[in-house]
Amino acid sequence: MLLHIIARGKIGRSPEAELVERYGKRVTWGFRVTEMPDRGGSLPPVSVSPTRTVVMDERGKQLTSSELAAVLGRWRDDGVREARFLIGAADGHDQSVRDGADLLIAFGAATWPHMLARAMLAEQLWRATSIVAGHPYHREG
């Protein structure tokens, strides 16, 4: 299954970009990052089906790493070909984007800069795929 981060804004050469790259290389599933302008533009077309859309939103569920792993593992086992993770610009997402999501996820009640949220998401995708693969997770058990 392809894990596809679709994020508003250009991350450029930054510590956050280095983290996204570092964790993206560790993910053993397909991994892609697509950048969009801060405003406007359309989401990249869906190239494979079925697809699930996850919107990163402060009103979303606060999943543990193991819970995220369970969701991704279930989707993979159900034949989902791509999971899209949408990160908005500073003002977040329109209601229509949230309404169209299969899942809303939040990284806690705090507000995070969207560039840092991108790095945090990449790390969580690496961690979740590692859990699905059966690697020991020190927070379990």
C-alpha atoms as a PDB file:
ATOM      1  CA  MET A   1       0.000   0.000   0.000  1.00  0.00           C
ATOM      2  CA  LEU A   2       1.281   3.452  -0.908  1.00  0.00           C
ATOM      3  CA  LEU A   3       1.466   5.927   1.977  1.00  0.00           C
ATOM      4  CA  HIS A   4       1.082   9.321   0.349  1.00  0.00           C
ATOM      5  CA  ILE A   5       1.544  12.560   2.292  1.00  0.00           C
ATOM      6  CA  ILE A   6      -0.106  15.457   0.438  1.00  0.00           C
ATOM      7  CA  ALA A   7       0.838  18.688   2.157  1.00  0.00           C
ATOM      8  CA  ARG A   8       0.203  22.375   1.627  1.00  0.00           C
ATOM      9  CA  GLY A   9       3.292  24.559   1.482  1.00  0.00           C
ATOM     10  CA  LYS A  10       6.884  24.095   0.388  1.00  0.00           C
ATOM     11  CA  ILE A  11       9.130  22.562   3.018  1.00  0.00           C
ATOM     12  CA  GLY A  12      12.347  23.535   1.211  1.00  0.00           C
ATOM     13  CA  ARG A  13      15.687  22.685   2.729  1.00  0.00           C
ATOM     14  CA  SER A  14      15.022  22.583   6.433  1.00  0.00           C
ATOM     15  CA  PRO A  15      15.440  20.372   9.477  1.00  0.00           C
ATOM     16  CA  GLU A  16      11.812  19.256   9.016  1.00  0.00           C
ATOM     17  CA  ALA A  17      12.538  18.245   5.408  1.00  0.00           C
ATOM     18  CA  GLU A  18      15.511  16.190   6.588  1.00  0.00           C
ATOM     19  CA  LEU A  19      13.282  14.361   9.081  1.00  0.00           C
ATOM     20  CA  VAL A  20      10.628  13.635   6.436  1.00  0.00           C
ATOM     21  CA  GLU A  21      13.310  12.263   4.127  1.00  0.00           C
ATOM     22  CA  ARG A  22      14.951  10.217   6.888  1.00  0.00           C
ATOM     23  CA  TYR A  23      11.712   8.541   7.996  1.00  0.00           C
ATOM     24  CA  GLY A  24      10.428   8.174   4.437  1.00  0.00           C
ATOM     25  CA  LYS A  25      13.503   6.108   3.572  1.00  0.00           C
ATOM     26  CA  ARG A  26      12.812   3.826   6.541  1.00  0.00           C
ATOM     27  CA  VAL A  27       9.237   3.049   5.483  1.00  0.00           C
ATOM     28  CA  THR A  28       9.227  -0.337   3.751  1.00  0.00           C
ATOM     29  CA  TRP A  29       5.849   0.237   2.079  1.00  0.00           C
ATOM     30  CA  GLY A  30       5.435   2.651  -0.818  1.00  0.00           C
ATOM     31  CA  PHE A  31       5.988   6.218   0.348  1.00  0.00           C
ATOM     32  CA  ARG A  32       5.487   9.516  -1.473  1.00  0.00           C
ATOM     33  CA  VAL A  33       5.258  13.193  -0.551  1.00  0.00           C
ATOM     34  CA  THR A  34       3.420  15.671  -2.771  1.00  0.00           C
ATOM     35  CA  GLU A  35       3.551  19.401  -2.074  1.00  0.00           C
ATOM     36  CA  MET A  36       0.740  21.758  -3.000  1.00  0.00           C
ATOM     37  CA  PRO A  37       0.524  25.548  -2.933  1.00  0.00           C
ATOM     38  CA  ASP A  38      -0.665  27.121   0.320  1.00  0.00           C
ATOM     39  CA  ARG A  39      -3.947  28.032  -1.380  1.00  0.00           C
ATOM     40  CA  GLY A  40      -5.751  26.728  -4.432  1.00  0.00           C
ATOM     41  CA  GLY A  41      -4.789  23.859  -6.637  1.00  0.00           C
ATOM     42  CA  SER A  42      -6.372  20.456  -6.843  1.00  0.00           C
ATOM     43  CA  LEU A  43      -5.398  17.276  -5.109  1.00  0.00           C
ATOM     44  CA  PRO A  44      -3.377  14.972  -7.320  1.00  0.00           C
ATOM     45  CA  PRO A  45      -5.650  12.545  -9.165  1.00  0.00           C
ATOM     46  CA  VAL A  46      -6.142   9.125  -7.647  1.00  0.00           C
ATOM     47  CA  SER A  47      -3.978   6.739  -9.642  1.00  0.00           C
ATOM     48  CA  VAL A  48      -4.936   3.472  -7.934  1.00  0.00           C
ATOM     49  CA  SER A  49      -8.097   2.234  -6.324  1.00  0.00           C
ATOM     50  CA  PRO A  50      -9.292   1.685  -3.681  1.00  0.00           C
ATOM     51  CA  THR A  51      -7.914   4.687  -1.825  1.00  0.00           C
ATOM     52  CA  ARG A  52      -8.459   5.981   1.707  1.00  0.00           C
ATOM     53  CA  THR A  53      -8.128   9.632   2.709  1.00  0.00           C
ATOM     54  CA  VAL A  54      -6.868  10.672   6.131  1.00  0.00           C
ATOM     55  CA  VAL A  55      -7.113  14.347   7.039  1.00  0.00           C
ATOM     56  CA  MET A  56      -4.789  15.698   9.683  1.00  0.00           C
ATOM     57  CA  ASP A  57      -7.057  17.962  11.707  1.00  0.00           C
ATOM     58  CA  GLU A  58      -7.137  19.279  15.259  1.00  0.00           C
ATOM     59  CA  ARG A  59     -10.681  17.882  15.631  1.00  0.00           C
ATOM     60  CA  GLY A  60      -9.550  14.369  14.661  1.00  0.00           C
ATOM     61  CA  LYS A  61      -9.018  11.239  16.711  1.00  0.00           C
ATOM     62  CA  GLN A  62      -5.882  10.985  18.786  1.00  0.00           C
ATOM     63  CA  LEU A  63      -4.611   7.538  17.851  1.00  0.00           C
ATOM     64  CA  THR A  64      -1.757   5.735  19.524  1.00  0.00           C
ATOM     65  CA  SER A  65       0.965   4.400  17.256  1.00  0.00           C
ATOM     66  CA  SER A  66      -0.442   0.896  17.690  1.00  0.00           C
ATOM     67  CA  GLU A  67      -3.953   2.072  16.782  1.00  0.00           C
ATOM     68  CA  LEU A  68      -2.639   3.752  13.624  1.00  0.00           C
ATOM     69  CA  ALA A  69      -0.759   0.556  12.781  1.00  0.00           C
ATOM     70  CA  ALA A  70      -3.985  -1.443  13.191  1.00  0.00           C
ATOM     71  CA  VAL A  71      -5.870   0.902  10.841  1.00  0.00           C
ATOM     72  CA  LEU A  72      -3.145   0.751   8.186  1.00  0.00           C
ATOM     73  CA  GLY A  73      -2.795  -3.007   8.507  1.00  0.00           C
ATOM     74  CA  ARG A  74      -6.556  -3.490   8.140  1.00  0.00           C
ATOM     75  CA  TRP A  75      -6.683  -1.243   5.076  1.00  0.00           C
ATOM     76  CA  ARG A  76      -3.748  -3.061   3.507  1.00  0.00           C
ATOM     77  CA  ASP A  77      -5.338  -6.443   4.206  1.00  0.00           C
ATOM     78  CA  ASP A  78      -8.646  -5.186   2.732  1.00  0.00           C
ATOM     79  CA  GLY A  79      -6.875  -4.386  -0.540  1.00  0.00           C
ATOM     80  CA  VAL A  80      -6.533  -0.605  -0.208  1.00  0.00           C
ATOM     81  CA  ARG A  81      -3.841   0.485  -2.648  1.00  0.00           C
ATOM     82  CA  GLU A  82      -3.179   4.038  -1.413  1.00  0.00           C
ATOM     83  CA  ALA A  83      -3.671   5.894   1.859  1.00  0.00           C
ATOM     84  CA  ARG A  84      -3.545   9.654   1.374  1.00  0.00           C
ATOM     85  CA  PHE A  85      -2.659  11.835   4.352  1.00  0.00           C
ATOM     86  CA  LEU A  86      -3.681  15.465   3.853  1.00  0.00           C
ATOM     87  CA  ILE A  87      -1.890  18.209   5.785  1.00  0.00           C
ATOM     88  CA  GLY A  88      -3.377  21.672   5.379  1.00  0.00           C
ATOM     89  CA  ALA A  89      -1.753  25.053   5.458  1.00  0.00           C
ATOM     90  CA  ALA A  90      -1.785  27.258   8.553  1.00  0.00           C
ATOM     91  CA  ASP A  91      -5.579  27.625   8.434  1.00  0.00           C
ATOM     92  CA  GLY A  92      -6.246  23.891   8.153  1.00  0.00           C
ATOM     93  CA  HIS A  93      -8.806  22.321   5.824  1.00  0.00           C
ATOM     94  CA  ASP A  94     -12.181  23.352   4.455  1.00  0.00           C
ATOM     95  CA  GLN A  95     -15.187  21.573   5.909  1.00  0.00           C
ATOM     96  CA  SER A  96     -15.742  19.819   2.576  1.00  0.00           C
ATOM     97  CA  VAL A  97     -12.282  18.215   2.817  1.00  0.00           C
ATOM     98  CA  ARG A  98     -12.969  17.036   6.364  1.00  0.00           C
ATOM     99  CA  ASP A  99     -16.381  15.705   5.331  1.00  0.00           C
ATOM    100  CA  GLY A 100     -14.828  13.664   2.517  1.00  0.00           C
ATOM    101  CA  ALA A 101     -12.235  11.992   4.730  1.00  0.00           C
ATOM    102  CA  ASP A 102     -12.287   8.358   5.742  1.00  0.00           C
ATOM    103  CA  LEU A 103     -10.495   9.293   8.963  1.00  0.00           C
ATOM    104  CA  LEU A 104      -9.550  12.490  10.811  1.00  0.00           C
ATOM    105  CA  ILE A 105      -6.385  12.332  12.930  1.00  0.00           C
ATOM    106  CA  ALA A 106      -4.975  14.870  15.387  1.00  0.00           C
ATOM    107  CA  PHE A 107      -1.535  14.977  16.982  1.00  0.00           C
ATOM    108  CA  GLY A 108      -3.000  16.019  20.327  1.00  0.00           C
ATOM    109  CA  ALA A 109      -4.736  19.171  21.444  1.00  0.00           C
ATOM    110  CA  ALA A 110      -1.716  21.418  20.857  1.00  0.00           C
ATOM    111  CA  THR A 111      -1.263  23.397  17.647  1.00  0.00           C
ATOM    112  CA  TRP A 112       1.694  22.207  15.555  1.00  0.00           C
ATOM    113  CA  PRO A 113       3.386  24.045  12.678  1.00  0.00           C
ATOM    114  CA  HIS A 114       2.314  22.259   9.505  1.00  0.00           C
ATOM    115  CA  MET A 115       5.931  21.637   8.451  1.00  0.00           C
ATOM    116  CA  LEU A 116       6.641  19.937  11.777  1.00  0.00           C
ATOM    117  CA  ALA A 117       3.387  17.971  11.490  1.00  0.00           C
ATOM    118  CA  ARG A 118       4.694  16.604   8.186  1.00  0.00           C
ATOM    119  CA  ALA A 119       7.823  15.273   9.903  1.00  0.00           C
ATOM    120  CA  MET A 120       5.771  13.868  12.798  1.00  0.00           C
ATOM    121  CA  LEU A 121       3.458  12.106  10.351  1.00  0.00           C
ATOM    122  CA  ALA A 122       6.377  10.576   8.438  1.00  0.00           C
ATOM    123  CA  GLU A 123       7.770   9.254  11.720  1.00  0.00           C
ATOM    124  CA  GLN A 124       4.403   7.796  12.730  1.00  0.00           C
ATOM    125  CA  LEU A 125       4.001   6.103   9.334  1.00  0.00           C
ATOM    126  CA  TRP A 126       7.422   4.507   9.737  1.00  0.00           C
ATOM    127  CA  ARG A 127       6.564   3.418  13.285  1.00  0.00           C
ATOM    128  CA  ALA A 128       3.146   2.062  12.261  1.00  0.00           C
ATOM    129  CA  THR A 129       4.537   0.040   9.355  1.00  0.00           C
ATOM    130  CA  SER A 130       7.246  -1.330  11.649  1.00  0.00           C
ATOM    131  CA  ILE A 131       4.581  -2.447  14.125  1.00  0.00           C
ATOM    132  CA  VAL A 132       2.555  -4.077  11.323  1.00  0.00           C
ATOM    133  CA  ALA A 133       5.719  -5.889  10.192  1.00  0.00           C
ATOM    134  CA  GLY A 134       6.063  -7.385  13.675  1.00  0.00           C
ATOM    135  CA  HIS A 135       9.037  -5.418  14.917  1.00  0.00           C
ATOM    136  CA  PRO A 136       9.022  -5.126  18.699  1.00  0.00           C
ATOM    137  CA  TYR A 137       7.464  -1.925  19.955  1.00  0.00           C
ATOM    138  CA  HIS A 138       8.782  -0.901  23.344  1.00  0.00           C
ATOM    139  CA  ARG A 139       5.488   0.742  24.391  1.00  0.00           C
ATOM    140  CA  GLU A 140       3.555  -2.519  24.104  1.00  0.00           C
ATOM    141  CA  GLY A 141       3.155  -5.198  26.694  1.00  0.00           C
END
